[in-house]
PDB file of N, CA and C in Angstrom:
ATOM      1  N   MET A   1     111.136  21.720  80.178  1.00  0.00           N
ATOM      2  CA  MET A   1     111.960  22.984  80.955  1.00  0.00           C
ATOM      3  C   MET A   1     113.508  21.640  81.452  1.00  0.00           C
ATOM      4  N   LYS A   2     112.686  21.313  82.703  1.00  0.00           N
ATOM      5  CA  LYS A   2     112.905  20.668  83.768  1.00  0.00           C
ATOM      6  C   LYS A   2     114.327  18.959  82.893  1.00  0.00           C
ATOM      7  N   GLU A   3     113.718  18.665  81.868  1.00  0.00           N
ATOM      8  CA  GLU A   3     114.403  17.501  81.752  1.00  0.00           C
ATOM      9  C   GLU A   3     115.353  18.748  80.759  1.00  0.00           C
ATOM     10  N   MET A   4     114.659  19.417  79.922  1.00  0.00           N
ATOM     11  CA  MET A   4     116.721  20.108  79.095  1.00  0.00           C
ATOM     12  C   MET A   4     117.404  20.966  80.126  1.00  0.00           C
ATOM     13  N   ILE A   5     116.666  20.915  81.199  1.00  0.00           N
ATOM     14  CA  ILE A   5     118.150  22.194  81.906  1.00  0.00           C
ATOM     15  C   ILE A   5     119.272  20.883  83.542  1.00  0.00           C
ATOM     16  N   LEU A   6     118.123  19.651  83.124  1.00  0.00           N
ATOM     17  CA  LEU A   6     118.972  18.614  83.881  1.00  0.00           C
ATOM     18  C   LEU A   6     119.788  17.856  82.659  1.00  0.00           C
ATOM     19  N   HIS A   7     119.171  17.397  81.653  1.00  0.00           N
ATOM     20  CA  HIS A   7     120.055  16.573  80.040  1.00  0.00           C
ATOM     21  C   HIS A   7     121.665  17.360  80.484  1.00  0.00           C
ATOM     22  N   ASN A   8     121.999  16.421  80.269  1.00  0.00           N
ATOM     23  CA  ASN A   8     123.763  16.789  80.717  1.00  0.00           C
ATOM     24  C   ASN A   8     124.050  17.987  81.958  1.00  0.00           C
ATOM     25  N   TRP A   9     123.898  17.198  82.876  1.00  0.00           N
ATOM     26  CA  TRP A   9     123.877  18.893  83.352  1.00  0.00           C
ATOM     27  C   TRP A   9     124.893  18.307  84.214  1.00  0.00           C
ATOM     28  N   GLN A  10     125.891  18.038  84.466  1.00  0.00           N
ATOM     29  CA  GLN A  10     127.414  17.473  84.603  1.00  0.00           C
ATOM     30  C   GLN A  10     128.486  18.218  83.859  1.00  0.00           C
ATOM     31  N   ALA A  11     128.112  18.007  81.766  1.00  0.00           N
ATOM     32  CA  ALA A  11     128.591  18.915  80.900  1.00  0.00           C
ATOM     33  C   ALA A  11     128.216  20.460  81.531  1.00  0.00           C
ATOM     34  N   LYS A  12     127.445  20.736  82.079  1.00  0.00           N
ATOM     35  CA  LYS A  12     126.733  22.080  81.785  1.00  0.00           C
ATOM     36  C   LYS A  12     127.641  22.805  83.566  1.00  0.00           C
ATOM     37  N   LEU A  13     127.208  21.867  84.396  1.00  0.00           N
ATOM     38  CA  LEU A  13     128.326  22.652  86.127  1.00  0.00           C
ATOM     39  C   LEU A  13     129.275  23.156  85.647  1.00  0.00           C
ATOM     40  N   VAL A  14     130.192  21.968  85.081  1.00  0.00           N
ATOM     41  CA  VAL A  14     131.670  21.953  84.206  1.00  0.00           C
ATOM     42  C   VAL A  14     131.969  23.181  83.934  1.00  0.00           C
ATOM     43  N   CYS A  15     131.080  23.469  82.723  1.00  0.00           N
ATOM     44  CA  CYS A  15     131.118  24.098  81.727  1.00  0.00           C
ATOM     45  C   CYS A  15     131.134  25.820  82.584  1.00  0.00           C
ATOM     46  N   LEU A  16     130.169  25.754  83.444  1.00  0.00           N
ATOM     47  CA  LEU A  16     130.079  27.725  84.578  1.00  0.00           C
ATOM     48  C   LEU A  16     130.871  27.288  85.607  1.00  0.00           C
ATOM     49  N   ILE A  17     131.577  26.232  86.276  1.00  0.00           N
ATOM     50  CA  ILE A  17     132.709  26.054  86.778  1.00  0.00           C
ATOM     51  C   ILE A  17     133.923  27.550  85.958  1.00  0.00           C
ATOM     52  N   LEU A  18     134.068  26.603  84.920  1.00  0.00           N
ATOM     53  CA  LEU A  18     135.435  26.907  83.693  1.00  0.00           C
ATOM     54  C   LEU A  18     135.088  28.455  82.977  1.00  0.00           C
ATOM     55  N   ALA A  19     133.940  28.519  83.381  1.00  0.00           N
ATOM     56  CA  ALA A  19     133.238  29.977  82.689  1.00  0.00           C
ATOM     57  C   ALA A  19     133.850  30.856  83.263  1.00  0.00           C
ATOM     58  N   THR A  20     133.481  30.647  84.810  1.00  0.00           N
ATOM     59  CA  THR A  20     133.221  31.512  86.469  1.00  0.00           C
ATOM     60  C   THR A  20     134.398  32.243  86.720  1.00  0.00           C
ATOM     61  N   ALA A  21     135.697  30.671  86.773  1.00  0.00           N
ATOM     62  CA  ALA A  21     137.285  31.085  87.022  1.00  0.00           C
ATOM     63  C   ALA A  21     137.916  31.946  85.763  1.00  0.00           C
ATOM     64  N   LEU A  22     137.153  32.046  84.035  1.00  0.00           N
ATOM     65  CA  LEU A  22     138.416  32.076  83.807  1.00  0.00           C
ATOM     66  C   LEU A  22     137.661  33.654  84.133  1.00  0.00           C
ATOM     67  N   TRP A  23     136.684  33.764  84.001  1.00  0.00           N
ATOM     68  CA  TRP A  23     135.986  35.330  84.326  1.00  0.00           C
ATOM     69  C   TRP A  23     136.576  35.747  85.805  1.00  0.00           C
ATOM     70  N   TYR A  24     136.963  35.146  86.759  1.00  0.00           N
ATOM     71  CA  TYR A  24     137.746  35.876  86.992  1.00  0.00           C
ATOM     72  C   TYR A  24     139.511  35.538  87.712  1.00  0.00           C
ATOM     73  N   LEU A  25     140.237  34.878  86.435  1.00  0.00           N
ATOM     74  CA  LEU A  25     141.549  35.332  86.387  1.00  0.00           C
ATOM     75  C   LEU A  25     141.692  36.488  85.645  1.00  0.00           C
ATOM     76  N   ILE A  26     140.731  37.028  84.741  1.00  0.00           N
ATOM     77  CA  ILE A  26     140.611  38.175  83.816  1.00  0.00           C
ATOM     78  C   ILE A  26     140.581  38.518  84.082  1.00  0.00           C
ATOM     79  N   ARG A  27     139.093  39.021  85.010  1.00  0.00           N
ATOM     80  CA  ARG A  27     138.852  40.079  86.010  1.00  0.00           C
ATOM     81  C   ARG A  27     140.418  40.465  87.131  1.00  0.00           C
ATOM     82  N   GLN A  28     141.425  39.717  87.853  1.00  0.00           N
ATOM     83  CA  GLN A  28     141.776  39.531  88.695  1.00  0.00           C
ATOM     84  C   GLN A  28     143.591  40.522  88.281  1.00  0.00           C
ATOM     85  N   ASN A  29     143.992  39.297  86.698  1.00  0.00           N
ATOM     86  CA  ASN A  29     144.731  40.290  86.215  1.00  0.00           C
ATOM     87  C   ASN A  29     144.439  41.714  85.498  1.00  0.00           C
ATOM     88  N   GLU A  30     143.703  41.645  85.363  1.00  0.00           N
ATOM     89  CA  GLU A  30     143.204  43.410  84.557  1.00  0.00           C
ATOM     90  C   GLU A  30     143.465  44.936  85.592  1.00  0.00           C
ATOM     91  N   GLY A  31     143.424  45.432  85.233  1.00  0.00           N
ATOM     92  CA  GLY A  31     143.924  47.327  85.695  1.00  0.00           C
ATOM     93  C   GLY A  31     142.789  47.744  86.131  1.00  0.00           C
ATOM     94  N   PRO A  32     142.541  48.572  86.794  1.00  0.00           N
ATOM     95  CA  PRO A  32     142.053  49.668  86.572  1.00  0.00           C
ATOM     96  C   PRO A  32     141.869  50.357  85.162  1.00  0.00           C
ATOM     97  N   THR A  33     140.712  50.372  84.378  1.00  0.00           N
ATOM     98  CA  THR A  33     139.620  50.896  83.720  1.00  0.00           C
ATOM     99  C   THR A  33     139.213  51.736  83.984  1.00  0.00           C
ATOM    100  N   ALA A  34     139.525  52.913  82.716  1.00  0.00           N
ATOM    101  CA  ALA A  34     139.132  54.172  82.654  1.00  0.00           C
ATOM    102  C   ALA A  34     137.706  54.482  81.994  1.00  0.00           C
ATOM    103  N   GLY A  35     136.490  54.587  82.875  1.00  0.00           N
ATOM    104  CA  GLY A  35     135.041  54.258  82.031  1.00  0.00           C
ATOM    105  C   GLY A  35     134.685  55.572  81.502  1.00  0.00           C
ATOM    106  N   ARG A  36     134.192  55.611  81.082  1.00  0.00           N
ATOM    107  CA  ARG A  36     133.620  56.658  79.526  1.00  0.00           C
ATOM    108  C   ARG A  36     133.776  58.158  79.784  1.00  0.00           C
ATOM    109  N   PHE A  37     133.362  58.806  80.869  1.00  0.00           N
ATOM    110  CA  PHE A  37     133.163  59.814  81.840  1.00  0.00           C
ATOM    111  C   PHE A  37     134.629  60.243  82.565  1.00  0.00           C
ATOM    112  N   ASP A  38     135.918  58.601  82.588  1.00  0.00           N
ATOM    113  CA  ASP A  38     136.626  58.779  83.244  1.00  0.00           C
ATOM    114  C   ASP A  38     138.178  59.690  82.791  1.00  0.00           C
ATOM    115  N   ARG A  39     137.747  59.774  81.833  1.00  0.00           N
ATOM    116  CA  ARG A  39     138.980  60.029  80.982  1.00  0.00           C
ATOM    117  C   ARG A  39     139.340  61.588  80.666  1.00  0.00           C
ATOM    118  N   PRO A  40     140.680  61.911  80.830  1.00  0.00           N
ATOM    119  CA  PRO A  40     140.737  63.149  80.725  1.00  0.00           C
ATOM    120  C   PRO A  40     140.795  64.094  79.697  1.00  0.00           C
ATOM    121  N   ALA A  41     140.703  65.303  79.821  1.00  0.00           N
ATOM    122  CA  ALA A  41     139.537  65.720  78.770  1.00  0.00           C
ATOM    123  C   ALA A  41     140.649  66.356  77.708  1.00  0.00           C
ATOM    124  N   MET A  42     140.957  66.904  76.542  1.00  0.00           N
ATOM    125  CA  MET A  42     141.552  66.709  76.101  1.00  0.00           C
ATOM    126  C   MET A  42     141.983  68.645  75.462  1.00  0.00           C
ATOM    127  N   PRO A  43     143.482  69.238  75.835  1.00  0.00           N
ATOM    128  CA  PRO A  43     143.412  70.547  75.546  1.00  0.00           C
ATOM    129  C   PRO A  43     142.594  71.134  74.646  1.00  0.00           C
ATOM    130  N   PRO A  44     142.986  72.249  74.717  1.00  0.00           N
ATOM    131  CA  PRO A  44     142.458  72.627  73.050  1.00  0.00           C
ATOM    132  C   PRO A  44     143.513  72.824  72.180  1.00  0.00           C
ATOM    133  N   ALA A  45     143.521  72.748  71.097  1.00  0.00           N
ATOM    134  CA  ALA A  45     144.435  72.605  69.727  1.00  0.00           C
ATOM    135  C   ALA A  45     145.168  73.766  69.548  1.00  0.00           C
ATOM    136  N   GLU A  46     146.578  73.361  69.949  1.00  0.00           N
ATOM    137  CA  GLU A  46     147.438  74.639  69.921  1.00  0.00           C
ATOM    138  C   GLU A  46     147.454  75.584  68.379  1.00  0.00           C
ATOM    139  N   LYS A  47     147.011  77.131  68.160  1.00  0.00           N
ATOM    140  CA  LYS A  47     146.857  77.185  67.100  1.00  0.00           C
ATOM    141  C   LYS A  47     148.515  77.293  66.052  1.00  0.00           C
ATOM    142  N   LYS A  48     149.287  76.736  65.185  1.00  0.00           N
ATOM    143  CA  LYS A  48     149.762  76.484  64.785  1.00  0.00           C
ATOM    144  C   LYS A  48     150.443  78.120  64.112  1.00  0.00           C
ATOM    145  N   GLN A  49     151.271  78.782  64.202  1.00  0.00           N
ATOM    146  CA  GLN A  49     152.011  79.968  63.619  1.00  0.00           C
ATOM    147  C   GLN A  49     152.197  79.725  62.466  1.00  0.00           C
ATOM    148  N   GLU A  50     151.582  80.320  61.087  1.00  0.00           N
ATOM    149  CA  GLU A  50     152.655  79.898  59.500  1.00  0.00           C
ATOM    150  C   GLU A  50     153.594  80.491  59.967  1.00  0.00           C
ATOM    151  N   PRO A  51     155.083  79.735  58.987  1.00  0.00           N
ATOM    152  CA  PRO A  51     155.697  80.685  58.439  1.00  0.00           C
ATOM    153  C   PRO A  51     155.366  81.743  57.710  1.00  0.00           C
ATOM    154  N   ALA A  52     156.916  82.463  57.546  1.00  0.00           N
ATOM    155  CA  ALA A  52     156.922  83.521  56.879  1.00  0.00           C
ATOM    156  C   ALA A  52     156.689  84.045  54.945  1.00  0.00           C
ATOM    157  N   PRO A  53     156.184  83.753  54.080  1.00  0.00           N
ATOM    158  CA  PRO A  53     156.404  83.454  53.028  1.00  0.00           C
ATOM    159  C   PRO A  53     157.314  84.046  52.368  1.00  0.00           C
ATOM    160  N   ILE A  54     157.948  83.240  52.030  1.00  0.00           N
ATOM    161  CA  ILE A  54     159.303  83.467  50.769  1.00  0.00           C
ATOM    162  C   ILE A  54     158.517  84.094  50.476  1.00  0.00           C
ATOM    163  N   SER A  55     159.905  86.105  50.499  1.00  0.00           N
ATOM    164  CA  SER A  55     160.341  86.460  48.775  1.00  0.00           C
ATOM    165  C   SER A  55     161.354  86.661  48.408  1.00  0.00           C
ATOM    166  N   HIS A  56     161.297  87.158  47.709  1.00  0.00           N
ATOM    167  CA  HIS A  56     162.715  86.704  46.402  1.00  0.00           C
ATOM    168  C   HIS A  56     162.985  88.026  45.767  1.00  0.00           C
ATOM    169  N   GLU A  57     162.409  89.268  46.295  1.00  0.00           N
ATOM    170  CA  GLU A  57     162.322  90.849  46.438  1.00  0.00           C
ATOM    171  C   GLU A  57     163.934  91.256  47.700  1.00  0.00           C
ATOM    172  N   PRO A  58     164.843  91.800  46.873  1.00  0.00           N
ATOM    173  CA  PRO A  58     165.881  92.639  47.888  1.00  0.00           C
ATOM    174  C   PRO A  58     164.777  93.310  48.833  1.00  0.00           C
ATOM    175  N   LYS A  59     166.110  93.552  49.873  1.00  0.00           N
ATOM    176  CA  LYS A  59     164.896  93.542  51.117  1.00  0.00           C
ATOM    177  C   LYS A  59     165.775  95.178  50.902  1.00  0.00           C
ATOM    178  N   PRO A  60     164.957  96.228  51.809  1.00  0.00           N
ATOM    179  CA  PRO A  60     165.146  97.497  51.178  1.00  0.00           C
ATOM    180  C   PRO A  60     166.656  98.036  52.605  1.00  0.00           C
ATOM    181  N   THR A  61     167.361  99.134  52.074  1.00  0.00           N
ATOM    182  CA  THR A  61     168.683  98.773  52.356  1.00  0.00           C
ATOM    183  C   THR A  61     168.393 100.309  53.574  1.00  0.00           C
ATOM    184  N   LYS A  62     168.919 100.620  54.908  1.00  0.00           N
ATOM    185  CA  LYS A  62     169.323 101.925  55.342  1.00  0.00           C
ATOM    186  C   LYS A  62     169.548 102.982  54.728  1.00  0.00           C
ATOM    187  N   ILE A  63     169.824 103.746  54.631  1.00  0.00           N
ATOM    188  CA  ILE A  63     170.822 104.243  53.994  1.00  0.00           C
ATOM    189  C   ILE A  63     171.316 105.585  55.180  1.00  0.00           C
ATOM    190  N   ILE A  64     172.719 105.537  55.051  1.00  0.00           N
ATOM    191  CA  ILE A  64     173.124 105.648  56.722  1.00  0.00           C
ATOM    192  C   ILE A  64     173.877 107.676  56.258  1.00  0.00           C
ATOM    193  N   ARG A  65     173.344 108.566  56.276  1.00  0.00           N
ATOM    194  CA  ARG A  65     174.296 109.783  56.251  1.00  0.00           C
ATOM    195  C   ARG A  65     174.903 110.800  57.676  1.00  0.00           C
ATOM    196  N   ASN A  66     175.944 111.035  56.759  1.00  0.00           N
ATOM    197  CA  ASN A  66     176.668 111.938  57.831  1.00  0.00           C
ATOM    198  C   ASN A  66     176.768 113.421  58.373  1.00  0.00           C
TER     199      ASN A  66
END
C-alpha cells in the first residue's frame, strides 16, 4: 500500500494541487445556486377562457313598437 502511494508521488502531488486550484477557481466564479428546496413555488395555472363558438345563424333582432 505504501509503495502504491509513494510511486510517482511528485506527479500525484502536482495533480492534487491542480485539481484543488481548479475546484477553488470554479467555486469562486460560481454564483449562488438555488438548492432543491430553495426554488420558488410555481404559481397555479390560470384557467384559459375558451372563446364562444362561432354561430352562422342570424342573431335575433328586437322589434321596437311605438
